[in-house]
Protein backbone atom coordinates (compact mmCIF):
# COMPACT_ATOMS: atom_id res chain seq x y z
CA MET A 1 93.00 39.20 26.86
CA ARG A 2 96.79 38.88 27.20
CA THR A 3 98.52 35.85 28.20
CA LEU A 4 100.73 36.32 31.00
CA LYS A 5 102.24 32.81 31.14
CA ARG A 6 101.21 29.25 29.98
CA LEU A 7 102.69 26.01 30.99
CA GLN A 8 101.56 23.46 28.39
CA SER A 9 101.07 19.78 28.64
CA GLY A 10 101.31 17.03 26.06
CA GLY A 11 101.82 13.47 27.04
CA ALA A 12 104.02 14.91 29.77
CA PHE A 13 104.04 18.48 31.02
CA ALA A 14 106.41 20.80 29.26
CA LEU A 15 107.72 24.14 30.59
CA GLY A 16 106.92 27.26 28.88
CA LEU A 17 107.32 30.93 29.98
CA ALA A 18 105.95 34.17 28.44
CA LEU A 19 106.92 37.67 29.67
CA LEU A 20 104.37 40.39 29.97
CA THR A 21 104.43 42.57 26.78
CA GLY A 22 106.03 45.96 27.52
CA CYS A 23 107.00 44.90 31.05
CA ALA A 24 110.55 44.40 32.36
CA SER A 25 109.72 41.35 34.53
CA ALA A 26 107.10 38.98 35.24
CA GLN A 27 106.12 36.92 38.34
CA GLU A 28 107.25 33.39 38.08
CA TYR A 29 105.95 30.52 40.01
CA ASP A 30 107.82 27.39 41.67
CA LEU A 31 106.02 24.80 39.76
CA ALA A 32 106.27 22.02 42.42
CA THR A 33 105.05 23.92 45.30
CA SER A 34 102.77 26.59 43.49
CA SER A 35 104.25 29.32 45.75
CA PRO A 36 105.11 32.66 44.71
CA LEU A 37 108.69 33.65 44.18
CA GLU A 38 110.36 37.07 43.94
CA GLN A 39 110.00 38.81 40.60
CA THR A 40 112.78 38.36 38.45
CA SER A 41 113.54 39.23 34.79
CA GLU A 42 114.78 35.63 34.04
CA ALA A 43 113.80 32.17 35.33
CA SER A 44 116.36 30.43 37.40
CA ALA A 45 117.01 26.86 36.34
CA ASP A 46 117.38 25.88 40.11
CA THR A 47 114.13 27.38 41.26
CA MET A 48 112.09 26.17 38.27
CA MET A 49 113.08 22.44 38.76
CA PRO A 50 110.16 20.29 40.07
CA ALA A 51 110.80 17.90 43.00
CA PRO A 52 112.23 14.72 41.91
CA ASP A 53 109.81 12.23 40.16
CA VAL A 54 107.04 14.81 40.34
CA ASP A 55 105.87 16.44 37.08
CA PRO A 56 105.36 20.28 37.42
CA ALA A 57 101.96 21.71 38.15
CA TYR A 58 100.18 22.88 35.10
CA ARG A 59 99.56 26.61 35.17
CA ALA A 60 97.99 28.92 32.46
CA VAL A 61 97.70 32.64 33.40
CA THR A 62 95.91 35.33 31.35
CA ARG A 63 94.86 38.82 31.68
CA HIS A 64 91.57 40.34 31.04
CA GLU A 65 89.18 43.21 31.48
CA MET A 66 85.30 43.29 31.84
CA VAL A 67 82.33 45.22 33.24
CA ALA A 68 80.89 43.75 36.35
CA ASN A 69 77.92 45.35 38.05
CA GLY A 70 78.40 48.43 35.93
CA GLU A 71 82.14 48.80 36.70
CA ARG A 72 85.03 48.33 34.48
CA ILE A 73 87.41 46.14 36.15
CA THR A 74 90.70 44.18 35.11
CA TYR A 75 91.50 40.68 36.42
CA ASP A 76 94.04 37.71 36.03
CA ALA A 77 92.76 34.28 35.19
CA ILE A 78 94.82 31.48 36.78
CA ALA A 79 93.97 28.02 35.52
CA GLY A 80 96.05 25.33 37.00
CA GLU A 81 96.94 22.59 39.35
CA THR A 82 97.61 22.59 43.04
CA LEU A 83 99.51 19.60 44.39
CA LEU A 84 98.23 17.72 47.45
CA THR A 85 100.31 15.67 49.66
CA ASP A 86 99.82 13.41 52.73
CA LEU A 87 101.27 14.25 56.00
CA ASN A 88 104.58 12.58 55.06
CA GLY A 89 104.79 14.91 52.02
CA ASP A 90 104.10 12.22 49.47
CA PRO A 91 101.98 13.23 46.47
CA THR A 92 98.41 12.30 46.64
CA ALA A 93 96.43 14.26 44.03
CA ARG A 94 96.26 17.23 41.76
CA ILE A 95 93.40 19.55 42.09
CA PHE A 96 92.65 21.72 39.09
CA SER A 97 91.15 25.16 39.84
CA PHE A 98 90.12 28.37 38.08
CA THR A 99 91.15 31.53 39.97
CA TYR A 100 90.00 35.04 38.85
CA LYS A 101 91.64 37.93 40.91
CA ARG A 102 90.91 41.46 40.30
CA THR A 103 94.06 43.59 39.54
CA ASP A 104 92.92 47.16 39.44
CA VAL A 105 92.39 47.16 43.25
CA ASP A 106 95.12 46.38 45.76
CA ASP A 107 93.23 44.90 48.95
CA PRO A 108 94.85 41.98 50.58
CA ASN A 109 91.56 41.87 52.80
CA ARG A 110 89.36 41.64 49.76
CA PRO A 111 86.89 38.66 50.22
CA VAL A 112 87.64 35.19 48.52
CA LEU A 113 84.76 32.84 47.42
CA PHE A 114 85.61 29.42 47.07
CA ILE A 115 82.97 27.70 44.73
CA PHE A 116 82.27 24.18 43.81
CA ASN A 117 79.30 21.97 42.36
CA GLY A 118 77.90 18.80 43.53
CA GLY A 119 77.27 15.23 42.32
CA PRO A 120 79.22 13.94 44.02
CA GLY A 121 81.24 13.68 40.88
CA SER A 122 80.37 17.15 39.22
CA ALA A 123 82.98 19.66 38.23
CA SER A 124 82.49 23.41 38.88
CA LEU A 125 81.66 24.50 35.41
CA TRP A 126 77.87 24.80 35.90
CA ILE A 127 78.04 27.61 38.55
CA HIS A 128 81.07 28.95 36.66
CA MET A 129 79.30 29.32 33.28
CA GLY A 130 75.97 30.04 34.56
CA ALA A 131 76.13 32.62 37.24
CA ILE A 132 79.08 34.35 38.78
CA GLY A 133 82.22 33.63 36.77
CA PRO A 134 83.54 36.33 34.30
CA ARG A 135 82.20 34.65 31.15
CA ARG A 136 78.80 32.74 30.69
CA VAL A 137 77.05 30.43 28.30
CA VAL A 138 74.49 31.92 25.98
CA LEU A 139 71.53 29.78 25.04
CA ASP A 140 69.07 30.70 22.48
CA ALA A 141 66.02 30.90 24.90
CA GLU A 142 65.59 31.35 28.49
CA VAL A 143 63.50 28.14 28.85
CA ASN A 144 63.62 25.20 26.57
CA PRO A 145 66.73 26.22 24.52
CA SER A 146 67.94 24.11 21.68
CA ASN A 147 70.51 21.61 22.61
CA VAL A 148 72.63 21.66 19.38
CA PRO A 149 75.27 24.24 18.41
CA PRO A 150 76.00 26.94 17.86
CA PHE A 151 76.11 28.17 21.52
CA GLY A 152 77.27 31.42 22.70
CA LEU A 153 79.84 32.75 25.05
CA GLU A 154 79.84 36.29 26.35
CA SER A 155 81.21 38.41 29.20
CA ASN A 156 79.16 38.19 32.38
CA PRO A 157 77.87 41.57 33.67
CA ASP A 158 76.32 39.85 36.68
CA SER A 159 79.69 38.45 38.01
CA VAL A 160 80.45 39.15 41.56
CA LEU A 161 84.24 39.51 40.68
CA ASP A 162 83.85 43.30 41.44
CA VAL A 163 83.37 42.57 45.20
CA ALA A 164 85.15 39.22 45.62
CA ASP A 165 87.97 37.05 44.13
CA LEU A 166 86.58 33.90 42.81
CA VAL A 167 88.27 30.32 43.06
CA PHE A 168 86.35 27.44 41.15
CA ILE A 169 87.37 24.11 42.44
CA ASP A 170 87.10 20.70 40.83
CA PRO A 171 87.44 17.80 43.29
CA VAL A 172 89.40 14.83 42.61
CA GLY A 173 88.08 12.75 39.75
CA THR A 174 86.12 15.75 38.14
CA GLY A 175 87.35 18.28 35.57
CA PHE A 176 91.02 17.91 35.07
CA SER A 177 91.72 16.84 38.72
CA ARG A 178 93.10 13.61 39.36
CA PRO A 179 94.81 11.47 41.95
CA ALA A 180 98.68 11.22 41.90
CA ASP A 181 100.25 8.34 40.05
CA GLY A 182 99.78 5.18 41.87
CA VAL A 183 97.29 6.59 44.34
CA ASP A 184 93.72 4.91 44.48
CA PRO A 185 91.07 7.46 43.66
CA LYS A 186 88.75 6.03 46.22
CA ARG A 187 90.90 7.57 48.70
CA PHE A 188 89.11 10.84 47.86
CA TRP A 189 85.66 9.43 47.19
CA GLY A 190 83.57 9.96 50.43
CA VAL A 191 82.03 12.61 52.51
CA ASP A 192 84.91 13.23 54.96
CA GLU A 193 87.70 12.21 52.35
CA ASP A 194 86.28 14.77 49.87
CA ALA A 195 86.13 17.67 52.31
CA GLU A 196 89.43 17.03 53.55
CA SER A 197 90.96 17.29 50.17
CA VAL A 198 89.04 20.46 49.30
CA ALA A 199 90.10 21.83 52.72
CA GLN A 200 93.86 21.10 51.95
CA PHE A 201 93.50 22.87 48.50
CA ILE A 202 91.89 25.91 50.34
CA GLU A 203 94.89 25.95 52.81
CA LEU A 204 97.44 25.88 50.03
CA TRP A 205 95.67 28.54 48.02
CA LEU A 206 95.42 30.89 50.80
CA SER A 207 99.36 30.54 51.41
CA GLU A 208 100.12 30.74 47.63
CA HIS A 209 98.10 34.09 47.32
CA GLY A 210 98.88 35.53 50.68
CA ARG A 211 95.21 35.67 51.52
CA TRP A 212 95.13 34.31 55.08
CA ASN A 213 93.70 37.37 56.47
CA SER A 214 90.95 37.90 53.87
CA PRO A 215 87.33 37.22 54.50
CA LYS A 216 86.57 33.62 53.29
CA TYR A 217 83.38 32.28 51.81
CA VAL A 218 82.39 28.96 50.33
CA LEU A 219 79.42 28.38 47.82
CA GLY A 220 78.25 24.71 46.99
CA GLU A 221 75.46 23.61 44.82
CA SER A 222 73.54 20.47 45.15
CA TYR A 223 75.77 17.93 46.81
CA GLY A 224 78.10 20.73 47.07
CA THR A 225 75.67 22.00 49.90
CA MET A 226 76.75 18.89 51.85
CA ARG A 227 80.41 19.62 51.22
CA ALA A 228 80.04 23.27 52.32
CA ALA A 229 78.33 22.17 55.51
CA VAL A 230 81.20 19.70 56.32
CA LEU A 231 84.03 21.93 55.31
CA PRO A 232 84.33 24.22 58.38
CA ARG A 233 85.15 21.09 60.36
CA ALA A 234 87.89 20.00 58.03
CA LEU A 235 89.24 23.72 57.67
CA MET A 236 89.41 24.13 61.53
CA GLY A 237 90.91 20.75 62.03
CA SER A 238 90.18 18.10 64.73
CA PRO A 239 92.03 15.44 66.68
CA ILE A 240 89.13 12.95 66.08
CA TYR A 241 88.55 14.07 62.52
CA ASN A 242 91.40 14.69 60.32
CA GLY A 243 94.38 14.78 62.91
CA VAL A 244 95.67 18.16 61.89
CA MET A 245 94.90 21.73 62.95
CA ARG A 246 94.55 24.28 60.10
CA GLY A 247 92.64 27.02 62.17
CA ILE A 248 90.74 28.31 59.15
CA THR A 249 87.36 29.78 59.79
CA LEU A 250 84.64 31.02 57.39
CA ASP A 251 82.69 34.29 57.20
CA GLY A 252 79.81 32.87 55.17
CA ILE A 253 78.51 29.75 53.55
CA ILE A 254 76.21 29.95 50.44
CA LEU A 255 74.01 26.87 49.60
CA LEU A 256 72.31 26.56 46.19
CA GLY A 257 69.90 23.56 45.57
CA THR A 258 70.21 22.43 49.18
CA THR A 259 70.09 18.88 50.02
CA LEU A 260 71.35 18.22 53.70
CA GLY A 261 69.44 15.01 54.56
CA GLY A 262 71.44 12.38 56.42
CA ARG A 263 72.46 9.00 54.88
CA GLY A 264 72.65 5.57 56.53
CA GLY A 265 70.38 6.03 59.42
CA GLU A 266 68.39 3.01 61.03
CA GLY A 267 64.81 2.64 61.45
CA GLU A 268 61.79 4.02 59.71
CA PRO A 269 60.55 7.48 59.92
CA SER A 270 57.52 8.02 62.27
CA ALA A 271 54.17 8.70 60.94
CA GLU A 272 54.34 12.36 61.57
CA GLU A 273 57.77 12.65 59.88
CA THR A 274 56.47 10.85 56.78
CA ALA A 275 53.30 13.12 56.73
CA ALA A 276 55.59 16.27 57.07
CA GLN A 277 57.81 15.03 54.19
CA GLN A 278 54.91 14.22 51.90
CA ALA A 279 53.28 17.46 52.41
CA ARG A 280 56.37 19.45 51.56
CA THR A 281 56.15 18.15 48.00
CA LEU A 282 52.89 20.12 47.26
CA PRO A 283 54.41 23.88 46.80
CA GLY A 284 56.67 22.56 44.05
CA LEU A 285 53.82 20.88 42.28
CA ALA A 286 51.46 23.88 42.60
CA VAL A 287 53.99 26.39 41.16
CA THR A 288 54.81 23.97 38.29
CA ALA A 289 51.16 23.38 37.42
CA ALA A 290 50.39 27.16 37.53
CA PHE A 291 53.41 27.82 35.24
CA HIS A 292 51.82 25.41 32.80
CA GLY A 293 48.29 26.87 33.15
CA LYS A 294 46.94 23.80 35.02
CA ALA A 295 46.41 25.12 38.52
CA SER A 296 43.10 27.00 39.59
CA THR A 297 44.85 29.49 41.80
CA ALA A 298 43.95 33.23 42.20
CA SER A 299 47.37 34.61 41.72
CA THR A 300 49.69 33.95 38.68
CA ALA A 301 52.94 35.09 40.57
CA PRO A 302 55.07 32.02 41.33
CA ASP A 303 56.32 33.17 44.84
CA THR A 304 52.68 33.97 46.04
CA ILE A 305 51.43 30.59 44.65
CA TYR A 306 54.40 28.70 46.41
CA GLY A 307 53.75 30.56 49.80
CA GLU A 308 49.92 29.70 49.51
CA ALA A 309 50.80 26.09 49.00
CA GLU A 310 53.39 25.80 51.41
CA ALA A 311 51.08 27.30 54.27
CA TYR A 312 48.38 24.75 53.32
CA ALA A 313 50.90 21.98 53.36
CA ARG A 314 52.17 22.93 56.83
CA GLY A 315 48.71 23.08 58.28
CA PRO A 316 45.62 21.22 56.91
CA TYR A 317 47.51 18.88 54.43
CA LYS A 318 50.07 17.49 56.76
CA ALA A 319 47.31 17.05 59.36
CA ALA A 320 45.22 15.07 57.01
CA LEU A 321 48.05 12.83 55.96
CA PHE A 322 48.83 12.11 59.41
CA LYS A 323 45.31 11.20 60.20
CA LEU A 324 45.26 9.05 57.01
CA GLN A 325 48.18 6.95 58.18
CA ASN A 326 46.39 6.54 61.68
CA GLY A 327 43.17 5.60 60.02
CA THR A 328 41.27 8.64 61.71
CA LEU A 329 40.68 10.76 58.50
CA GLY A 330 37.04 11.44 57.85
CA GLU A 331 35.53 11.28 54.61
CA ALA A 332 34.38 15.06 54.45
CA GLU A 333 38.01 16.08 55.39
CA ARG A 334 39.32 13.73 52.83
CA GLN A 335 37.16 15.25 50.13
CA ALA A 336 38.21 18.79 51.16
CA VAL A 337 41.78 17.90 50.87
CA MET A 338 41.33 16.33 47.52
CA ALA A 339 39.56 19.35 46.24
CA GLU A 340 42.43 21.54 47.47
CA LEU A 341 44.97 19.13 45.79
CA THR A 342 43.17 19.17 42.46
CA ARG A 343 43.05 22.92 42.65
CA PHE A 344 46.68 23.36 43.24
CA THR A 345 47.99 20.61 40.92
CA GLY A 346 45.61 20.48 38.13
CA LEU A 347 45.32 16.71 38.54
CA ASP A 348 42.15 14.86 39.01
CA ALA A 349 41.17 12.68 41.94
CA SER A 350 42.10 9.50 40.23
CA GLU A 351 45.50 10.66 39.45
CA ILE A 352 46.26 11.73 42.74
CA GLY A 353 45.01 8.55 44.48
CA GLU A 354 43.51 7.58 47.71
CA ASP A 355 46.70 8.20 49.72
CA LEU A 356 46.36 11.97 48.84
CA HIS A 357 49.96 12.20 47.85
CA ILE A 358 51.73 12.32 44.52
CA GLY A 359 55.56 12.34 44.26
CA GLU A 360 57.31 14.79 42.12
CA ARG A 361 58.77 12.38 39.41
CA GLU A 362 55.18 10.93 39.01
CA PHE A 363 53.74 14.48 38.81
CA ALA A 364 56.32 15.58 36.13
CA LYS A 365 54.88 12.84 33.78
CA LEU A 366 51.29 13.55 34.63
CA VAL A 367 50.70 17.39 34.77
CA LEU A 368 51.05 17.80 31.05
CA LYS A 369 49.93 14.34 29.90
CA ASP A 370 47.17 15.67 27.85
CA GLN A 371 49.64 17.57 25.76
CA GLY A 372 51.90 14.43 25.37
CA LEU A 373 54.65 16.23 27.34
CA GLU A 374 56.84 15.61 30.40
CA ALA A 375 58.01 18.34 32.87
CA GLY A 376 61.55 18.55 33.88
CA MET A 377 62.66 17.55 37.44
CA TYR A 378 65.63 19.90 37.58
CA ASP A 379 63.59 22.60 36.15
CA SER A 380 59.82 22.05 35.85
CA ARG A 381 59.37 24.78 33.18
CA TYR A 382 61.11 22.65 30.73
CA THR A 383 59.50 19.98 28.73
CA LEU A 384 60.04 17.02 26.47
CA PRO A 385 57.60 14.57 24.67
CA LEU A 386 56.36 11.79 27.10
CA ALA A 387 56.76 9.24 24.13
CA ASN A 388 59.89 7.38 23.39
CA THR A 389 61.75 8.25 26.62
CA GLY A 390 64.75 6.12 27.42
CA ASN A 391 64.18 6.92 31.24
CA ASP A 392 67.76 8.25 31.64
CA PRO A 393 68.02 10.38 34.62
CA VAL A 394 70.22 13.07 32.79
CA ALA A 395 69.74 12.72 28.99
CA ASP A 396 66.01 12.23 29.11
CA ASP A 397 65.30 14.77 31.87
CA PRO A 398 63.70 17.88 29.97
CA ALA A 399 66.02 20.43 31.64
CA MET A 400 69.33 18.49 32.06
CA GLY A 401 69.09 17.28 28.45
CA ARG A 402 68.57 20.66 27.16
CA TYR A 403 71.08 22.88 28.90
CA VAL A 404 73.94 20.46 29.51
CA PRO A 405 75.41 20.53 25.95
CA GLY A 406 75.41 24.36 25.83
CA PHE A 407 77.29 24.64 29.13
CA VAL A 408 79.80 21.91 28.32
CA THR A 409 80.45 23.58 24.68
CA ALA A 410 80.95 27.11 26.03
CA PHE A 411 83.14 25.97 28.86
CA ASN A 412 85.36 24.19 26.45
CA GLN A 413 85.38 27.09 24.12
CA MET A 414 86.45 29.33 26.93
CA LEU A 415 89.20 26.99 27.98
CA ARG A 416 90.96 27.40 24.55
CA ASP A 417 90.10 30.88 23.43
CA ASP A 418 90.01 32.78 26.83
CA LEU A 419 92.10 30.86 29.17
CA ASP A 420 94.78 29.33 26.74
CA VAL A 421 94.32 25.93 28.52
CA GLU A 422 95.90 23.23 26.47
CA ILE A 423 95.47 19.81 27.96
CA ALA A 424 95.10 16.72 25.95
CA ARG A 425 92.62 14.81 28.15
CA PRO A 426 88.88 15.61 28.28
CA TYR A 427 87.58 17.78 31.04
CA ARG A 428 85.23 15.64 33.01
CA ALA A 429 81.95 17.83 33.52
CA ILE A 430 80.35 14.98 35.72
CA TYR A 431 82.10 11.55 36.39
CA TRP A 432 79.88 8.86 37.54
CA LYS A 433 81.74 5.63 36.67
CA ASP A 434 83.22 3.88 39.76
CA LEU A 435 82.75 7.12 41.79
CA LEU A 436 79.20 6.95 42.79
CA GLN A 437 79.16 3.22 43.70
CA ASN A 438 82.30 3.68 45.85
CA TRP A 439 81.19 6.88 47.65
CA ASN A 440 81.65 6.49 51.32
CA TRP A 441 78.95 8.00 53.34
CA GLN A 442 80.14 6.90 56.63
CA ARG A 443 81.63 9.67 58.68
CA ARG A 444 83.96 10.09 61.78
CA GLY A 445 82.34 11.47 64.97
CA VAL A 446 78.95 11.80 63.39
CA ALA A 447 76.01 9.47 64.14
CA PRO A 448 74.59 7.55 61.06
CA GLY A 449 71.80 9.29 59.34
CA GLN A 450 72.52 12.68 60.98
CA SER A 451 71.32 15.65 58.85
CA PHE A 452 74.20 17.69 57.40
CA ALA A 453 72.40 20.69 58.52
CA VAL A 454 73.48 19.62 62.15
CA ASP A 455 77.20 20.12 60.89
CA LEU A 456 76.21 23.71 60.06
CA ALA A 457 74.86 24.21 63.35
CA TRP A 458 77.94 22.87 64.96
CA SER A 459 80.00 25.31 63.12
CA MET A 460 77.84 28.34 63.75
CA ARG A 461 78.17 27.48 67.48
CA ARG A 462 81.96 27.30 67.06
CA ASN A 463 81.99 30.57 64.97
CA PRO A 464 79.39 33.15 66.09
CA ASP A 465 80.30 35.29 63.00
CA LEU A 466 79.42 32.65 60.50
CA ARG A 467 76.39 33.66 58.12
CA LEU A 468 74.45 31.34 56.09
CA PHE A 469 72.88 32.11 52.71
CA VAL A 470 70.41 29.56 51.36
CA ALA A 471 69.21 29.94 47.68
CA SER A 472 66.53 27.72 46.11
CA GLY A 473 64.68 27.55 42.79
CA LEU A 474 60.76 27.43 43.01
CA TYR A 475 60.76 25.08 40.00
CA ASP A 476 63.33 22.65 41.35
CA LEU A 477 61.56 19.45 41.91
CA VAL A 478 64.99 17.68 43.06
CA THR A 479 66.03 19.85 45.93
CA THR A 480 62.92 21.83 46.89
CA PRO A 481 62.80 25.22 48.85
CA ALA A 482 60.40 23.66 51.26
CA GLU A 483 62.70 20.71 52.05
CA ALA A 484 65.76 23.12 52.51
CA TYR A 485 63.62 25.24 54.95
CA ALA A 486 62.76 22.00 57.05
CA GLN A 487 66.29 20.79 57.08
CA ILE A 488 67.63 24.00 58.22
CA ALA A 489 64.87 24.69 60.82
CA ASP A 490 65.14 21.19 62.36
CA SER A 491 68.91 21.38 62.85
CA GLY A 492 69.02 24.06 65.60
CA VAL A 493 70.87 26.55 63.28
CA PRO A 494 70.60 29.98 64.56
CA GLN A 495 67.84 31.46 62.35
CA ASP A 496 68.86 35.19 62.71
CA ARG A 497 72.06 34.33 60.98
CA VAL A 498 70.38 32.70 58.04
CA ARG A 499 69.04 34.40 54.91
CA PHE A 500 66.65 32.57 52.55
CA GLU A 501 66.01 33.57 48.98
CA ASP A 502 63.82 31.80 46.38
CA TYR A 503 64.00 32.49 42.66
CA PRO A 504 61.48 31.64 40.00
CA SER A 505 64.00 29.17 38.34
CA GLY A 506 65.05 25.57 38.83
CA HIS A 507 67.95 23.58 40.31
CA MET A 508 70.36 25.86 38.57
CA LEU A 509 68.46 28.70 39.98
CA TYR A 510 70.32 31.34 38.05
CA LEU A 511 68.84 30.30 34.67
CA GLY A 512 65.92 31.59 32.96
CA GLY A 513 66.13 35.27 33.65
CA THR A 514 67.13 35.28 37.48
CA ALA A 515 70.86 35.48 37.18
CA GLU A 516 70.96 39.28 38.03
CA ALA A 517 68.84 39.00 41.02
CA PHE A 518 70.85 36.09 42.54
CA ALA A 519 74.13 37.82 41.82
CA ASP A 520 72.62 41.11 43.50
CA ASP A 521 71.76 39.15 46.55
CA LEU A 522 75.04 37.23 46.61
CA ARG A 523 76.90 40.64 46.29
CA GLU A 524 75.12 41.98 49.08
CA PHE A 525 75.79 38.97 51.39
CA LEU A 526 79.53 39.06 50.47
CA THR A 527 79.71 42.56 51.46
CA ALA A 528 77.67 42.70 54.53
CA GLY A 529 80.13 41.22 56.87
């Protein structure tokens, strides 16, 4: 690694320049606008001055090389801020991002992949360090790793940097991103508000790096799938939505851990909708029970078990649940369904109950009860003791509680050792305080309760070339593959432009031996356009 340039921060940002070793000149940046200037051997005092009363944008640039997909490549890593303004040009926020640009090829039409996680309130470090970034965390076990140091950090041979430049985005309030001085952060905390700020960042990034004519993709994980579904509208622009025309279209959208259900709708779901939703829980329970040796299925292959349970859920199980709600379910049929549920889940009739349905969270506490263990919600392969739980949704989840410390530690190590980032304030991996309770789910021009998948259908109508890749983890009990399929199918999205892939992993579907398969599928999607 060689440092190209680093702008350091203390209490206030200070300006520092470094020239390339052995080079006559280095590319400098206008720190107020983040736009590239002509190369020069010396920095001009006039061009390097920030706008009045605006601190310069932090920027650290380093040079690296690695092997990605078996190919040796070189790349620049740019860690820094992009300054957002309102339509009057007044500062509103500083979005921090991590850009990785391949340097041993010269192709202005090379794809760009913009990446973010979810929450809302999560920074991008999870997908950054777990799957497609140039560096990745090393845990001491694929499943149920230790959650105390030391943790490893290594070059990621599965990174898709060989085929696309990567831009990891931290929305306002996460990571190092923050509102401008005097700006209320609630201005960014909402579905439309969040999407608009990310769209503005993408617009500025394309101008800074001269990539308007490149193929453009966005990848969102968890709540990030909602952001990805909404972004095409903000990127194009609308007189009724954001009041500005950007004219940016996407070539593809990638969804991981998909959750597209609408918020704020009125009325109760119908009996048929309730039955269908309850039935869709079964495949995740079945594959979890099989992994832990509790199911009585003929196959041990997780995809086969999931498919068998899903077919039963769509047919006899959903029909029986509907009859049960209407009071028309016969005793013989009830017993037949109970036998199948017992076979798939490993639970007995008393644990399943008369309603013939068991939710994922309850199941996670029951399936390994005889061993004194609880299965994870975010990845049901993980376990922790049932006893002494504090019922915290993160710290006490067997998966989140195990892998979070390793990711956070490795990321902070990478900031210092690889990217030369020196910022005094902590990097916010996930920020809940104030943000969640103030998140605005009301949307402009969208009916209350409308599925975010409908946004995708609108965008795919407007852009006949837009393609969708939906990736899910079979052991994810929070955002299940079955629910993702249903949400996409019910929205009117053209199915011939959708690619579904499931992996024997959890919510972070690239953990536990699946990173290479996911990266290969993503690489194929990015290069197929």
